[in-house]
Amino acid sequence: MTISKIEKHLPTQISTYLVIKAKKSDKKDIQRFYKTQRYAAGFIGHDHAYFIKHNTEIIACVIISAGQESGLFWLLHGLVIDSEHRGSGIASLLLRTVIAEQVFKEENKQVRYDNIICFADQALATLYLSNKFVSHNTAKDIAQLPDEFRQRFLRYRENHKNLCCYFYNANFPYCA
């Protein structure tokens, strides 16, 4: 598990909400947040997390994890907003922050989130589509996912029939 070692205050901000890129020491607080939200999110590999605090408590978080083809495809997961803060644009703020973080340095190498895959309920389509993701749900689309993500999606969809795949590509003209 790798989380960025640098806490980075990004310029993407709504009123008093500031997105923070997690550092390794934030992992326990992030896991505690997910537990209090009754959400089973976890770190799955080469991970980066972004969160928002209100006062001293995390109120929102998202994780983005690299696939096995190191850095070519990223899985965005664990986008959770505390119920008291939903509907205030925080989810969009987190998505826009991840997308804006196109290139950054980590451990002397450049990392890019050029291809982001996300699995979410179809009820969240408006959120993802309004934040530069496209629906990626035809049989042909699913077949084109990297094997590790395709298998994960099909496995998840067995228990969640309304699960959809959303895709962001920095090089698509309609995504930029």
C-alpha atoms as a PDB file:
ATOM      1  CA  MET A   1       0.000   0.000   0.000  1.00  0.00           C
ATOM      2  CA  THR A   2       1.412   3.346  -1.011  1.00  0.00           C
ATOM      3  CA  ILE A   3      -0.178   6.650  -0.245  1.00  0.00           C
ATOM      4  CA  SER A   4       1.475   9.842  -1.393  1.00  0.00           C
ATOM      5  CA  LYS A   5       3.968  11.057   1.146  1.00  0.00           C
ATOM      6  CA  ILE A   6       3.201  14.710   0.489  1.00  0.00           C
ATOM      7  CA  GLU A   7       0.146  16.429   1.906  1.00  0.00           C
ATOM      8  CA  LYS A   8      -0.912  18.695  -0.887  1.00  0.00           C
ATOM      9  CA  HIS A   9      -3.519  21.406  -0.653  1.00  0.00           C
ATOM     10  CA  LEU A  10      -5.031  21.585  -4.100  1.00  0.00           C
ATOM     11  CA  PRO A  11      -6.615  24.723  -5.552  1.00  0.00           C
ATOM     12  CA  THR A  12      -9.933  22.962  -6.163  1.00  0.00           C
ATOM     13  CA  GLN A  13     -12.158  24.347  -3.448  1.00  0.00           C
ATOM     14  CA  ILE A  14     -15.875  24.977  -2.721  1.00  0.00           C
ATOM     15  CA  SER A  15     -16.393  27.680  -0.079  1.00  0.00           C
ATOM     16  CA  THR A  16     -14.625  26.323   2.991  1.00  0.00           C
ATOM     17  CA  TYR A  17     -13.902  22.815   1.686  1.00  0.00           C
ATOM     18  CA  LEU A  18     -10.312  22.056   0.854  1.00  0.00           C
ATOM     19  CA  VAL A  19      -9.251  18.764  -0.716  1.00  0.00           C
ATOM     20  CA  ILE A  20      -6.174  17.211   0.841  1.00  0.00           C
ATOM     21  CA  LYS A  21      -4.072  14.535  -0.792  1.00  0.00           C
ATOM     22  CA  ALA A  22      -3.511  11.897   1.879  1.00  0.00           C
ATOM     23  CA  LYS A  23      -0.173  10.939   3.216  1.00  0.00           C
ATOM     24  CA  LYS A  24       0.625   7.578   4.777  1.00  0.00           C
ATOM     25  CA  SER A  25      -0.080   8.844   8.294  1.00  0.00           C
ATOM     26  CA  ASP A  26      -3.708   9.612   7.240  1.00  0.00           C
ATOM     27  CA  LYS A  27      -4.505   5.946   6.483  1.00  0.00           C
ATOM     28  CA  LYS A  28      -5.971   5.096   9.909  1.00  0.00           C
ATOM     29  CA  ASP A  29      -8.187   8.200   9.908  1.00  0.00           C
ATOM     30  CA  ILE A  30      -9.422   7.333   6.411  1.00  0.00           C
ATOM     31  CA  GLN A  31     -10.195   3.752   7.409  1.00  0.00           C
ATOM     32  CA  ARG A  32     -12.011   5.016  10.515  1.00  0.00           C
ATOM     33  CA  PHE A  33     -14.086   7.375   8.335  1.00  0.00           C
ATOM     34  CA  TYR A  34     -15.180   4.526   6.068  1.00  0.00           C
ATOM     35  CA  LYS A  35     -16.046   2.382   9.078  1.00  0.00           C
ATOM     36  CA  THR A  36     -18.227   5.113  10.605  1.00  0.00           C
ATOM     37  CA  GLN A  37     -19.944   5.502   7.220  1.00  0.00           C
ATOM     38  CA  ARG A  38     -20.594   1.729   7.148  1.00  0.00           C
ATOM     39  CA  TYR A  39     -18.762   1.523   3.843  1.00  0.00           C
ATOM     40  CA  ALA A  40     -16.368  -1.312   3.071  1.00  0.00           C
ATOM     41  CA  ALA A  41     -13.598   0.553   1.270  1.00  0.00           C
ATOM     42  CA  GLY A  42      -9.997  -0.402   1.471  1.00  0.00           C
ATOM     43  CA  PHE A  43      -6.636   0.155  -0.076  1.00  0.00           C
ATOM     44  CA  ILE A  44      -6.045  -2.371  -2.858  1.00  0.00           C
ATOM     45  CA  GLY A  45      -2.597  -1.663  -4.209  1.00  0.00           C
ATOM     46  CA  HIS A  46      -0.779   1.430  -5.362  1.00  0.00           C
ATOM     47  CA  ASP A  47      -3.287   3.871  -3.856  1.00  0.00           C
ATOM     48  CA  HIS A  48      -3.788   7.581  -3.525  1.00  0.00           C
ATOM     49  CA  ALA A  49      -6.529   9.034  -1.370  1.00  0.00           C
ATOM     50  CA  TYR A  50      -8.067  12.480  -1.302  1.00  0.00           C
ATOM     51  CA  PHE A  51     -10.189  13.714   1.559  1.00  0.00           C
ATOM     52  CA  ILE A  52     -11.957  16.732   2.989  1.00  0.00           C
ATOM     53  CA  LYS A  53     -12.101  17.635   6.656  1.00  0.00           C
ATOM     54  CA  HIS A  54     -14.638  19.799   8.418  1.00  0.00           C
ATOM     55  CA  ASN A  55     -13.201  21.017  11.706  1.00  0.00           C
ATOM     56  CA  THR A  56     -11.034  17.999  12.587  1.00  0.00           C
ATOM     57  CA  GLU A  57     -13.183  15.212  11.113  1.00  0.00           C
ATOM     58  CA  ILE A  58     -12.998  13.679   7.647  1.00  0.00           C
ATOM     59  CA  ILE A  59     -16.340  14.270   5.933  1.00  0.00           C
ATOM     60  CA  ALA A  60     -15.516  12.944   2.463  1.00  0.00           C
ATOM     61  CA  CYS A  61     -12.967  10.686   0.840  1.00  0.00           C
ATOM     62  CA  VAL A  62     -12.109   8.974  -2.422  1.00  0.00           C
ATOM     63  CA  ILE A  63      -9.418   6.433  -3.285  1.00  0.00           C
ATOM     64  CA  ILE A  64      -7.779   5.914  -6.656  1.00  0.00           C
ATOM     65  CA  SER A  65      -5.760   2.732  -7.132  1.00  0.00           C
ATOM     66  CA  ALA A  66      -3.399   1.743  -9.916  1.00  0.00           C
ATOM     67  CA  GLY A  67      -4.025  -1.392 -11.878  1.00  0.00           C
ATOM     68  CA  GLN A  68      -1.465  -4.121 -12.366  1.00  0.00           C
ATOM     69  CA  GLU A  69      -0.278  -2.434 -15.567  1.00  0.00           C
ATOM     70  CA  SER A  70       1.378   0.158 -13.361  1.00  0.00           C
ATOM     71  CA  GLY A  71      -0.295   3.469 -13.905  1.00  0.00           C
ATOM     72  CA  LEU A  72      -2.021   2.856 -17.249  1.00  0.00           C
ATOM     73  CA  PHE A  73      -5.465   2.421 -15.708  1.00  0.00           C
ATOM     74  CA  TRP A  74      -6.695   3.602 -12.344  1.00  0.00           C
ATOM     75  CA  LEU A  75      -9.725   2.449 -10.362  1.00  0.00           C
ATOM     76  CA  LEU A  76     -11.602   5.224  -8.595  1.00  0.00           C
ATOM     77  CA  HIS A  77     -13.464   3.800  -5.601  1.00  0.00           C
ATOM     78  CA  GLY A  78     -14.626   4.589  -2.118  1.00  0.00           C
ATOM     79  CA  LEU A  79     -16.175   7.955  -3.023  1.00  0.00           C
ATOM     80  CA  VAL A  80     -18.120   8.558   0.174  1.00  0.00           C
ATOM     81  CA  ILE A  81     -19.562  11.761   1.600  1.00  0.00           C
ATOM     82  CA  ASP A  82     -20.823  11.979   5.178  1.00  0.00           C
ATOM     83  CA  SER A  83     -24.634  12.128   5.105  1.00  0.00           C
ATOM     84  CA  GLU A  84     -24.754  15.571   6.737  1.00  0.00           C
ATOM     85  CA  HIS A  85     -22.678  17.041   3.900  1.00  0.00           C
ATOM     86  CA  ARG A  86     -24.258  15.378   0.863  1.00  0.00           C
ATOM     87  CA  GLY A  87     -25.791  17.547  -1.811  1.00  0.00           C
ATOM     88  CA  SER A  88     -23.267  20.339  -1.365  1.00  0.00           C
ATOM     89  CA  GLY A  89     -21.056  19.545  -4.375  1.00  0.00           C
ATOM     90  CA  ILE A  90     -18.349  17.772  -2.391  1.00  0.00           C
ATOM     91  CA  ALA A  91     -18.433  14.604  -4.538  1.00  0.00           C
ATOM     92  CA  SER A  92     -17.928  16.695  -7.676  1.00  0.00           C
ATOM     93  CA  LEU A  93     -15.125  18.590  -5.950  1.00  0.00           C
ATOM     94  CA  LEU A  94     -13.315  15.327  -5.191  1.00  0.00           C
ATOM     95  CA  LEU A  95     -13.812  14.030  -8.760  1.00  0.00           C
ATOM     96  CA  ARG A  96     -12.582  17.288 -10.314  1.00  0.00           C
ATOM     97  CA  THR A  97      -9.551  17.253  -8.007  1.00  0.00           C
ATOM     98  CA  VAL A  98      -8.552  13.732  -9.066  1.00  0.00           C
ATOM     99  CA  ILE A  99      -9.007  14.678 -12.733  1.00  0.00           C
ATOM    100  CA  ALA A 100      -7.054  17.926 -12.297  1.00  0.00           C
ATOM    101  CA  GLU A 101      -4.194  16.010 -10.696  1.00  0.00           C
ATOM    102  CA  GLN A 102      -3.134  14.813 -14.138  1.00  0.00           C
ATOM    103  CA  VAL A 103       0.583  14.816 -13.541  1.00  0.00           C
ATOM    104  CA  PHE A 104       2.452  14.777 -10.281  1.00  0.00           C
ATOM    105  CA  LYS A 105       5.768  13.527  -9.012  1.00  0.00           C
ATOM    106  CA  GLU A 106       6.003  10.641  -6.624  1.00  0.00           C
ATOM    107  CA  GLU A 107       9.179   8.917  -5.575  1.00  0.00           C
ATOM    108  CA  ASN A 108      11.124  10.457  -8.468  1.00  0.00           C
ATOM    109  CA  LYS A 109       8.684   9.370 -11.160  1.00  0.00           C
ATOM    110  CA  GLN A 110       5.821  11.020 -12.941  1.00  0.00           C
ATOM    111  CA  VAL A 111       2.343   9.607 -12.304  1.00  0.00           C
ATOM    112  CA  ARG A 112      -0.686  10.271 -14.517  1.00  0.00           C
ATOM    113  CA  TYR A 113      -4.366   9.494 -14.078  1.00  0.00           C
ATOM    114  CA  ASP A 114      -5.062   9.334 -17.813  1.00  0.00           C
ATOM    115  CA  ASN A 115      -7.533   6.427 -17.710  1.00  0.00           C
ATOM    116  CA  ILE A 116      -9.866   6.243 -14.728  1.00  0.00           C
ATOM    117  CA  ILE A 117     -12.440   3.484 -14.302  1.00  0.00           C
ATOM    118  CA  CYS A 118     -15.225   3.713 -11.755  1.00  0.00           C
ATOM    119  CA  PHE A 119     -18.021   1.303 -10.826  1.00  0.00           C
ATOM    120  CA  ALA A 120     -21.092   2.967  -9.313  1.00  0.00           C
ATOM    121  CA  ASP A 121     -24.846   2.566  -9.105  1.00  0.00           C
ATOM    122  CA  GLN A 122     -26.762   3.879 -12.107  1.00  0.00           C
ATOM    123  CA  ALA A 123     -28.455   6.377  -9.756  1.00  0.00           C
ATOM    124  CA  LEU A 124     -25.095   8.208  -9.690  1.00  0.00           C
ATOM    125  CA  ALA A 125     -24.881   8.571 -13.484  1.00  0.00           C
ATOM    126  CA  THR A 126     -25.548  12.318 -13.403  1.00  0.00           C
ATOM    127  CA  LEU A 127     -22.683  12.848 -10.951  1.00  0.00           C
ATOM    128  CA  TYR A 128     -20.140  11.016 -13.090  1.00  0.00           C
ATOM    129  CA  LEU A 129     -21.377  12.199 -16.490  1.00  0.00           C
ATOM    130  CA  SER A 130     -21.355  15.828 -15.334  1.00  0.00           C
ATOM    131  CA  ASN A 131     -17.751  15.394 -14.167  1.00  0.00           C
ATOM    132  CA  LYS A 132     -16.178  14.314 -17.476  1.00  0.00           C
ATOM    133  CA  PHE A 133     -16.763  10.562 -17.199  1.00  0.00           C
ATOM    134  CA  VAL A 134     -18.599   8.651 -19.913  1.00  0.00           C
ATOM    135  CA  SER A 135     -20.866   5.653 -19.570  1.00  0.00           C
ATOM    136  CA  HIS A 136     -18.853   2.547 -20.423  1.00  0.00           C
ATOM    137  CA  ASN A 137     -21.487  -0.169 -20.206  1.00  0.00           C
ATOM    138  CA  THR A 138     -21.955  -1.937 -23.498  1.00  0.00           C
ATOM    139  CA  ALA A 139     -20.679  -5.504 -23.758  1.00  0.00           C
ATOM    140  CA  LYS A 140     -17.964  -4.169 -26.082  1.00  0.00           C
ATOM    141  CA  ASP A 141     -16.959  -1.494 -23.527  1.00  0.00           C
ATOM    142  CA  ILE A 142     -16.743  -4.017 -20.688  1.00  0.00           C
ATOM    143  CA  ALA A 143     -14.734  -6.418 -22.854  1.00  0.00           C
ATOM    144  CA  GLN A 144     -12.163  -3.647 -23.437  1.00  0.00           C
ATOM    145  CA  LEU A 145     -11.478  -3.094 -19.738  1.00  0.00           C
ATOM    146  CA  PRO A 146      -8.173  -4.426 -18.447  1.00  0.00           C
ATOM    147  CA  ASP A 147      -8.722  -8.019 -17.326  1.00  0.00           C
ATOM    148  CA  GLU A 148      -8.335  -7.287 -13.599  1.00  0.00           C
ATOM    149  CA  PHE A 149     -10.998  -4.556 -13.718  1.00  0.00           C
ATOM    150  CA  ARG A 150     -13.320  -6.451 -16.050  1.00  0.00           C
ATOM    151  CA  GLN A 151     -13.325  -9.442 -13.703  1.00  0.00           C
ATOM    152  CA  ARG A 152     -13.901  -7.198 -10.693  1.00  0.00           C
ATOM    153  CA  PHE A 153     -16.805  -5.421 -12.427  1.00  0.00           C
ATOM    154  CA  LEU A 154     -18.497  -8.658 -13.473  1.00  0.00           C
ATOM    155  CA  ARG A 155     -18.082 -10.082  -9.967  1.00  0.00           C
ATOM    156  CA  TYR A 156     -19.541  -6.951  -8.339  1.00  0.00           C
ATOM    157  CA  ARG A 157     -22.394  -6.799 -10.829  1.00  0.00           C
ATOM    158  CA  GLU A 158     -23.568 -10.290  -9.784  1.00  0.00           C
ATOM    159  CA  ASN A 159     -24.688  -8.797  -6.451  1.00  0.00           C
ATOM    160  CA  HIS A 160     -25.463  -5.250  -7.624  1.00  0.00           C
ATOM    161  CA  LYS A 161     -27.622  -5.387 -10.764  1.00  0.00           C
ATOM    162  CA  ASN A 162     -27.700  -1.571 -11.102  1.00  0.00           C
ATOM    163  CA  LEU A 163     -23.912  -1.306 -11.157  1.00  0.00           C
ATOM    164  CA  CYS A 164     -22.533   0.703 -14.063  1.00  0.00           C
ATOM    165  CA  CYS A 165     -19.061   1.387 -15.332  1.00  0.00           C
ATOM    166  CA  TYR A 166     -17.919   4.961 -15.901  1.00  0.00           C
ATOM    167  CA  PHE A 167     -14.705   5.861 -17.666  1.00  0.00           C
ATOM    168  CA  TYR A 168     -12.575   8.987 -17.835  1.00  0.00           C
ATOM    169  CA  ASN A 169      -9.853   9.384 -20.445  1.00  0.00           C
ATOM    170  CA  ALA A 170      -7.747  12.536 -20.443  1.00  0.00           C
ATOM    171  CA  ASN A 171      -7.205  12.244 -24.194  1.00  0.00           C
ATOM    172  CA  PHE A 172     -10.871  12.097 -25.223  1.00  0.00           C
ATOM    173  CA  PRO A 173     -11.920  15.533 -26.499  1.00  0.00           C
ATOM    174  CA  TYR A 174     -15.261  15.321 -24.709  1.00  0.00           C
ATOM    175  CA  CYS A 175     -13.592  14.423 -21.420  1.00  0.00           C
ATOM    176  CA  ALA A 176     -11.002  17.165 -21.268  1.00  0.00           C
END
